Amino acid sequence: MPNDRILVVDDEETIREIVSSMLAGAHFQTRQAASGIEALAILESGEDFDLVLSDLMMAEMDGIALLERAKERYPDMPIVMVTAVHDIQVALQALRNGAYDYLLKPFEREQLLATVRRALENRRLKRENDAYRTNLEALVAARTQQWKTALSEIEKSYDITLEVLGDALDAKDAETEHHSRRVTAFTIAIARKMGLSKEEINVIARGAFLHDIGKMAISDYILHKPGKLTDDEMETMKEHCYRGYKIISRIPFLAEAAEIVYAHQERYDGLGYPRGLKGEEIPLGARIFAIADTLDAMRSDRDYRKAQSMQAVREEIRLWSGRQFDPQIVKVFLDMPDNIWDDLRDDINGKDPSEPTPSFPKV
């Protein structure tokens, strides 16, 4: 049985009583208001109504004014207008302003009840739809959070994979670990300065970090030979680019990074190895890495020389712009302040030897 509450608004008491009686006979609860002003006061008092049934032409505040005020405050509450035949254009305007429907005087009881029931059913369906949408949004938010959590776990597994590969390379060549981390940090700094996206930088960072992974397939005799390598030994050493590519290209999330590993010894003028790629044929990450690698090599102590100054590094990279290095990336590098590189070296190497250094620099 219905127990919906309906506010009946009309400035004629007889009509209010008749309409209220018709509605009460169908088990609706009603309250009466003799004007638009009184109706608005009742609504603003906090009483809840499921529907307003209002005459269109009333003194003080007519039905149109009541409709506008009520819809402003209670947009979900249906309002049905009651009008005479000669006011039909005004009634149509009321529909355009948000009224659910209108009744023409005089109307039969069944006309009234049918219109009221349609309005209330429409309101119920809208509420169910709103509730469904709210629940759906909550479900989507929950699923999105689950996806983000899963993605975070996947990224953690990626880092673990990189750490394992880094540890394996470290076991092969004790000097490679710190070099790989430093050159990765330098590569990330240049890529950021170039305005690359986080996703692009992630790929480039992984390629930089694993650039020497192919050395795991090179014999210790060649890798650690103190003297100059023979021509055959040098050709074997050059194979580390391709071998590194083959090792990590099988790992799905490292497929793009593998291309950087493959091309990290190419030169901008096409005189590098292993494929003699030239200019933009070389992956962007490999072109950035080339500068970072030279920077780290020149700023590191070697058995045959001490680390060189930043001024010497800048001059060397400027000198080889357009030959070994991409000129556009050289410009970016030369615009960056010198202190960045020393700060990054300190962070990677660790100022306090007792503190662990992360295996993979974070983007």
Protein backbone atom coordinates (compact mmCIF):
# COMPACT_ATOMS: atom_id res chain seq x y z
CA MET A 1 0.00 0.00 0.00
CA PRO A 2 1.37 3.45 -0.86
CA ASN A 3 2.41 5.74 1.96
CA ASP A 4 3.93 8.51 -0.17
CA ARG A 5 3.46 12.04 1.11
CA ILE A 6 1.99 14.61 -1.27
CA LEU A 7 1.78 18.37 -0.78
CA VAL A 8 -1.43 19.73 -2.37
CA VAL A 9 -1.18 23.45 -3.24
CA ASP A 10 -4.24 25.48 -4.35
CA ASP A 11 -5.71 28.81 -3.31
CA GLU A 12 -9.23 27.34 -3.47
CA GLU A 13 -10.03 25.34 -0.34
CA THR A 14 -12.78 23.29 -2.01
CA ILE A 15 -10.39 22.04 -4.72
CA ARG A 16 -7.71 21.26 -2.11
CA GLU A 17 -10.18 19.19 -0.12
CA ILE A 18 -11.46 17.29 -3.16
CA VAL A 19 -7.96 16.50 -4.42
CA SER A 20 -6.77 15.49 -0.94
CA SER A 21 -9.81 13.22 -0.55
CA MET A 22 -9.11 11.51 -3.88
CA LEU A 23 -5.50 10.90 -2.87
CA ALA A 24 -6.35 9.75 0.66
CA GLY A 25 -8.78 7.23 -0.85
CA ALA A 26 -5.78 5.68 -2.64
CA HIS A 27 -3.85 5.62 0.66
CA PHE A 28 -1.60 8.60 -0.06
CA GLN A 29 -0.73 10.93 2.82
CA THR A 30 -1.43 14.58 2.07
CA ARG A 31 -0.90 18.04 3.44
CA GLN A 32 -2.47 21.22 2.11
CA ALA A 33 -1.10 24.68 1.36
CA ALA A 34 -3.24 27.66 0.32
CA SER A 35 -0.53 29.47 -1.65
CA GLY A 36 2.89 29.13 -3.18
CA ILE A 37 4.41 31.03 -0.25
CA GLU A 38 2.82 28.69 2.30
CA ALA A 39 3.91 25.65 0.28
CA LEU A 40 7.50 26.87 0.17
CA ALA A 41 7.48 27.51 3.91
CA ILE A 42 6.23 23.97 4.55
CA LEU A 43 8.95 22.52 2.30
CA GLU A 44 11.64 24.60 4.00
CA SER A 45 10.46 23.51 7.45
CA GLY A 46 12.10 20.16 6.86
CA GLU A 47 9.04 18.02 6.18
CA ASP A 48 9.66 15.36 3.54
CA PHE A 49 7.35 15.07 0.55
CA ASP A 50 7.50 12.67 -2.36
CA LEU A 51 5.53 14.89 -4.73
CA VAL A 52 4.03 18.38 -5.02
CA LEU A 53 0.66 18.83 -6.77
CA SER A 54 0.24 22.56 -7.41
CA ASP A 55 -2.30 24.82 -9.08
CA LEU A 56 -0.75 27.01 -11.77
CA MET A 57 -2.65 30.27 -11.24
CA MET A 58 -2.55 31.49 -7.61
CA ALA A 59 -2.27 34.83 -5.87
CA GLU A 60 0.91 35.93 -4.03
CA MET A 61 3.17 33.23 -5.56
CA ASP A 62 1.91 31.35 -8.60
CA GLY A 63 2.74 27.79 -9.60
CA ILE A 64 5.58 28.80 -11.94
CA ALA A 65 7.37 30.73 -9.18
CA LEU A 66 6.84 27.86 -6.73
CA LEU A 67 8.16 25.42 -9.34
CA GLU A 68 11.34 27.45 -9.86
CA ARG A 69 12.01 27.87 -6.14
CA ALA A 70 11.20 24.26 -5.25
CA LYS A 71 13.28 22.80 -8.10
CA GLU A 72 16.21 24.95 -7.03
CA ARG A 73 16.12 23.48 -3.51
CA TYR A 74 14.68 20.00 -4.15
CA PRO A 75 15.65 19.04 -7.72
CA ASP A 76 14.71 15.36 -7.33
CA MET A 77 11.14 15.96 -6.11
CA PRO A 78 8.54 15.67 -8.93
CA ILE A 79 6.06 18.53 -9.32
CA VAL A 80 2.75 18.14 -11.18
CA MET A 81 0.96 21.33 -12.26
CA VAL A 82 -2.84 21.73 -12.36
CA THR A 83 -4.23 24.22 -14.89
CA ALA A 84 -7.28 25.25 -16.86
CA VAL A 85 -7.50 24.67 -20.60
CA HIS A 86 -6.92 28.32 -21.51
CA ASP A 87 -3.58 28.27 -19.55
CA ILE A 88 -2.16 25.36 -21.57
CA GLN A 89 0.79 27.38 -22.97
CA VAL A 90 1.79 28.33 -19.44
CA ALA A 91 1.59 24.66 -18.44
CA LEU A 92 3.88 23.69 -21.32
CA GLN A 93 6.33 26.34 -20.18
CA ALA A 94 6.20 24.76 -16.72
CA LEU A 95 7.23 21.43 -18.24
CA ARG A 96 10.21 23.13 -19.87
CA ASN A 97 11.09 24.55 -16.46
CA GLY A 98 11.18 21.15 -14.82
CA ALA A 99 7.60 20.12 -13.98
CA TYR A 100 7.03 16.38 -14.38
CA ASP A 101 3.52 16.68 -15.91
CA TYR A 102 0.32 18.71 -15.82
CA LEU A 103 -3.41 18.01 -15.31
CA LEU A 104 -6.18 19.90 -17.01
CA LYS A 105 -9.18 20.99 -14.91
CA PRO A 106 -11.60 19.37 -14.46
CA PHE A 107 -10.02 15.96 -14.10
CA GLU A 108 -11.30 12.57 -13.00
CA ARG A 109 -10.01 10.67 -9.96
CA GLU A 110 -8.34 8.02 -12.15
CA GLN A 111 -6.57 10.70 -14.20
CA LEU A 112 -5.19 12.21 -11.00
CA LEU A 113 -4.07 8.87 -9.55
CA ALA A 114 -2.51 7.71 -12.83
CA THR A 115 -0.49 10.93 -13.16
CA VAL A 116 0.63 10.85 -9.51
CA ARG A 117 1.66 7.18 -9.73
CA ARG A 118 3.66 7.79 -12.92
CA ALA A 119 5.47 10.70 -11.28
CA LEU A 120 6.28 8.69 -8.18
CA GLU A 121 7.41 5.68 -10.23
CA ASN A 122 9.65 7.97 -12.27
CA ARG A 123 11.14 9.33 -9.05
CA ARG A 124 11.71 5.81 -7.72
CA LEU A 125 13.47 4.74 -10.91
CA LYS A 126 15.68 7.85 -10.85
CA ARG A 127 16.66 7.13 -7.26
CA GLU A 128 17.45 3.50 -8.09
CA ASN A 129 19.52 4.67 -11.05
CA ASP A 130 21.38 7.16 -8.85
CA ALA A 131 22.02 4.46 -6.26
CA TYR A 132 23.22 2.09 -8.98
CA ARG A 133 25.52 4.76 -10.41
CA THR A 134 26.89 5.53 -6.95
CA ASN A 135 27.51 1.84 -6.30
CA LEU A 136 29.07 1.47 -9.72
CA GLU A 137 31.37 4.43 -9.10
CA ALA A 138 32.35 2.92 -5.75
CA LEU A 139 32.99 -0.42 -7.44
CA VAL A 140 35.08 1.24 -10.16
CA ALA A 141 37.04 3.15 -7.50
CA ALA A 142 37.64 -0.09 -5.59
CA ARG A 143 38.71 -1.93 -8.73
CA THR A 144 40.94 0.98 -9.72
CA GLN A 145 42.63 0.83 -6.32
CA GLN A 146 43.05 -2.94 -6.72
CA TRP A 147 44.59 -2.32 -10.13
CA LYS A 148 46.94 0.32 -8.73
CA THR A 149 47.96 -2.05 -5.93
CA ALA A 150 48.55 -4.85 -8.42
CA LEU A 151 50.53 -2.50 -10.64
CA SER A 152 52.62 -1.44 -7.66
CA GLU A 153 53.36 -5.09 -6.89
CA ILE A 154 54.31 -5.69 -10.52
CA GLU A 155 56.66 -2.69 -10.43
CA LYS A 156 58.22 -4.09 -7.27
CA SER A 157 58.75 -7.40 -9.04
CA TYR A 158 60.34 -5.47 -11.92
CA ASP A 159 62.78 -3.86 -9.50
CA ILE A 160 63.57 -7.26 -7.99
CA THR A 161 64.24 -8.62 -11.49
CA LEU A 162 66.56 -5.72 -12.21
CA GLU A 163 68.34 -6.19 -8.90
CA VAL A 164 68.86 -9.88 -9.65
CA LEU A 165 70.29 -9.06 -13.06
CA GLY A 166 72.45 -6.34 -11.51
CA ASP A 167 73.75 -8.71 -8.84
CA ALA A 168 74.58 -11.29 -11.51
CA LEU A 169 76.54 -8.69 -13.47
CA ASP A 170 78.27 -7.49 -10.31
CA ALA A 171 79.42 -11.03 -9.63
CA LYS A 172 80.93 -11.10 -13.11
CA ASP A 173 82.59 -7.68 -13.05
CA ALA A 174 83.13 -5.93 -9.70
CA GLU A 175 83.50 -2.51 -11.33
CA THR A 176 80.29 -2.67 -13.36
CA GLU A 177 77.73 -2.25 -10.54
CA HIS A 178 78.62 1.28 -9.51
CA HIS A 179 79.20 2.32 -13.10
CA SER A 180 75.76 1.04 -14.13
CA ARG A 181 74.01 2.88 -11.32
CA ARG A 182 75.87 6.11 -11.95
CA VAL A 183 75.34 6.09 -15.69
CA THR A 184 71.65 5.32 -15.12
CA ALA A 185 71.30 8.30 -12.78
CA PHE A 186 73.04 10.56 -15.32
CA THR A 187 70.81 9.26 -18.13
CA ILE A 188 67.67 9.90 -16.07
CA ALA A 189 68.80 13.47 -15.32
CA ILE A 190 69.32 14.27 -19.01
CA ALA A 191 66.03 12.62 -20.02
CA ARG A 192 64.17 14.67 -17.41
CA LYS A 193 65.78 17.86 -18.68
CA MET A 194 64.57 16.92 -22.16
CA GLY A 195 61.01 16.75 -20.81
CA LEU A 196 60.43 13.08 -21.53
CA SER A 197 57.49 11.33 -19.87
CA LYS A 198 57.89 9.13 -16.79
CA GLU A 199 57.05 6.08 -18.90
CA GLU A 200 59.73 6.91 -21.47
CA ILE A 201 62.29 7.58 -18.75
CA ASN A 202 61.50 4.25 -17.07
CA VAL A 203 62.31 2.38 -20.29
CA ILE A 204 65.49 4.40 -20.88
CA ALA A 205 66.62 3.93 -17.27
CA ARG A 206 66.25 0.16 -17.51
CA GLY A 207 68.22 0.09 -20.75
CA ALA A 208 70.98 2.22 -19.23
CA PHE A 209 71.16 0.12 -16.07
CA LEU A 210 71.45 -3.14 -18.02
CA HIS A 211 73.61 -1.87 -20.89
CA ASP A 212 76.54 -4.14 -19.95
CA ILE A 213 74.49 -7.24 -19.06
CA GLY A 214 75.85 -8.97 -22.17
CA LYS A 215 79.27 -9.11 -20.51
CA MET A 216 77.93 -12.03 -18.51
CA ALA A 217 78.37 -14.06 -21.70
CA ILE A 218 81.96 -12.92 -22.23
CA SER A 219 84.75 -15.07 -20.84
CA ASP A 220 86.54 -13.87 -17.71
CA TYR A 221 89.86 -14.14 -19.56
CA ILE A 222 88.82 -11.45 -22.05
CA LEU A 223 86.80 -9.41 -19.57
CA HIS A 224 89.64 -9.11 -17.05
CA LYS A 225 92.67 -9.24 -19.37
CA PRO A 226 95.11 -6.62 -18.05
CA GLY A 227 96.79 -5.91 -21.38
CA LYS A 228 95.49 -4.84 -24.76
CA LEU A 229 92.96 -7.15 -26.41
CA THR A 230 93.79 -8.83 -29.70
CA ASP A 231 91.63 -8.10 -32.73
CA ASP A 232 89.75 -11.38 -32.25
CA GLU A 233 89.28 -10.70 -28.55
CA MET A 234 87.99 -7.20 -29.33
CA GLU A 235 85.46 -8.65 -31.76
CA THR A 236 84.32 -11.04 -29.05
CA MET A 237 84.03 -8.17 -26.57
CA LYS A 238 81.88 -6.23 -29.06
CA GLU A 239 79.40 -9.12 -29.05
CA HIS A 240 78.24 -8.11 -25.57
CA CYS A 241 75.72 -5.66 -27.09
CA TYR A 242 73.92 -8.39 -29.04
CA ARG A 243 74.28 -10.94 -26.27
CA GLY A 244 72.82 -8.50 -23.76
CA TYR A 245 69.93 -7.86 -26.13
CA LYS A 246 69.24 -11.59 -26.41
CA ILE A 247 69.32 -12.03 -22.63
CA ILE A 248 66.78 -9.35 -21.70
CA SER A 249 64.58 -9.19 -24.81
CA ARG A 250 62.96 -12.41 -23.58
CA ILE A 251 61.65 -10.57 -20.51
CA PRO A 252 58.40 -8.86 -21.64
CA PHE A 253 58.71 -5.67 -19.57
CA LEU A 254 62.32 -5.22 -20.74
CA ALA A 255 61.63 -5.61 -24.47
CA GLU A 256 61.94 -1.86 -25.19
CA ALA A 257 64.93 -1.49 -22.89
CA ALA A 258 66.61 -4.35 -24.81
CA GLU A 259 66.79 -2.12 -27.90
CA ILE A 260 68.83 0.40 -25.91
CA VAL A 261 71.16 -2.37 -24.72
CA TYR A 262 71.61 -3.50 -28.33
CA ALA A 263 72.45 0.03 -29.54
CA HIS A 264 74.42 1.49 -26.64
CA GLN A 265 77.74 1.40 -28.56
CA GLU A 266 76.40 2.98 -31.74
CA ARG A 267 77.63 6.44 -32.81
CA TYR A 268 75.63 9.32 -34.21
CA ASP A 269 77.82 9.38 -37.37
CA GLY A 270 77.21 5.67 -38.04
CA LEU A 271 80.73 4.50 -37.14
CA GLY A 272 79.71 2.60 -34.01
CA TYR A 273 78.83 -1.06 -33.51
CA PRO A 274 77.33 -3.65 -33.77
CA ARG A 275 74.99 -2.51 -36.61
CA GLY A 276 76.43 0.83 -37.69
CA LEU A 277 73.20 2.70 -36.94
CA LYS A 278 73.24 6.40 -37.73
CA GLY A 279 71.44 9.49 -36.35
CA GLU A 280 67.87 8.86 -35.31
CA GLU A 281 68.14 5.22 -36.34
CA ILE A 282 69.71 4.88 -32.90
CA PRO A 283 67.07 4.64 -30.13
CA LEU A 284 66.73 7.91 -28.22
CA GLY A 285 67.65 6.19 -24.94
CA ALA A 286 70.93 4.94 -26.44
CA ARG A 287 71.77 8.45 -27.71
CA ILE A 288 71.21 9.88 -24.23
CA PHE A 289 73.18 7.04 -22.65
CA ALA A 290 76.19 7.73 -24.90
CA ILE A 291 76.73 11.12 -23.24
CA ALA A 292 76.07 9.77 -19.73
CA ASP A 293 78.54 6.92 -20.32
CA THR A 294 81.30 9.25 -21.50
CA LEU A 295 80.62 11.55 -18.55
CA ASP A 296 81.02 8.71 -16.07
CA ALA A 297 84.09 7.26 -17.78
CA MET A 298 85.92 10.60 -17.79
CA ARG A 299 84.95 11.46 -14.21
CA SER A 300 86.15 8.08 -12.85
CA ASP A 301 89.66 7.10 -11.83
CA ARG A 302 91.38 4.56 -14.07
CA ASP A 303 94.61 2.58 -13.60
CA TYR A 304 96.24 4.65 -16.31
CA ARG A 305 94.86 8.10 -15.33
CA LYS A 306 92.99 10.09 -12.71
CA ALA A 307 89.44 11.32 -13.08
CA GLN A 308 89.21 14.35 -15.36
CA SER A 309 87.56 17.67 -14.61
CA MET A 310 84.01 18.60 -15.62
CA GLN A 311 85.48 21.25 -17.90
CA ALA A 312 87.40 18.53 -19.75
CA VAL A 313 84.24 16.41 -19.98
CA ARG A 314 82.23 19.29 -21.41
CA GLU A 315 84.92 20.08 -23.96
CA GLU A 316 85.17 16.43 -25.04
CA ILE A 317 81.42 16.06 -25.49
CA ARG A 318 81.19 19.39 -27.34
CA LEU A 319 84.10 18.32 -29.61
CA TRP A 320 82.37 15.06 -30.58
CA SER A 321 78.92 16.58 -31.09
CA GLY A 322 77.52 15.39 -34.42
CA ARG A 323 80.03 12.54 -34.60
CA GLN A 324 79.77 10.37 -31.50
CA PHE A 325 76.87 12.26 -29.93
CA ASP A 326 73.46 13.62 -30.96
CA PRO A 327 73.93 17.44 -31.24
CA GLN A 328 70.50 18.21 -29.76
CA ILE A 329 71.20 16.10 -26.66
CA VAL A 330 74.65 17.66 -26.37
CA LYS A 331 72.98 21.09 -26.16
CA VAL A 332 70.74 19.84 -23.36
CA PHE A 333 73.72 18.41 -21.46
CA LEU A 334 75.80 21.58 -21.82
CA ASP A 335 72.92 23.67 -20.45
CA MET A 336 72.87 21.64 -17.22
CA PRO A 337 74.93 22.86 -14.22
CA ASP A 338 78.06 20.90 -13.29
CA ASN A 339 77.05 20.31 -9.66
CA ILE A 340 74.24 17.95 -10.73
CA TRP A 341 76.69 15.25 -11.75
CA ASP A 342 78.80 15.33 -8.59
CA ASP A 343 75.67 15.31 -6.44
CA LEU A 344 74.40 12.25 -8.29
CA ARG A 345 77.75 10.49 -7.95
CA ASP A 346 77.70 11.12 -4.19
CA ASP A 347 74.15 9.76 -3.93
CA ILE A 348 74.99 6.64 -5.92
CA ASN A 349 78.38 5.91 -4.37
CA GLY A 350 77.13 6.69 -0.87
CA LYS A 351 78.84 9.23 1.36
CA ASP A 352 78.61 6.80 4.29
CA PRO A 353 80.11 3.43 3.33
CA SER A 354 78.02 1.71 6.02
CA GLU A 355 74.76 2.71 4.30
CA PRO A 356 73.46 0.39 1.53
CA THR A 357 73.12 1.88 -1.94
CA PRO A 358 70.00 0.99 -3.92
CA SER A 359 70.65 -1.32 -6.86
CA PHE A 360 68.42 0.54 -9.31
CA PRO A 361 68.19 4.37 -9.36
CA LYS A 362 64.57 5.49 -9.03
CA VAL A 363 62.94 7.56 -11.75
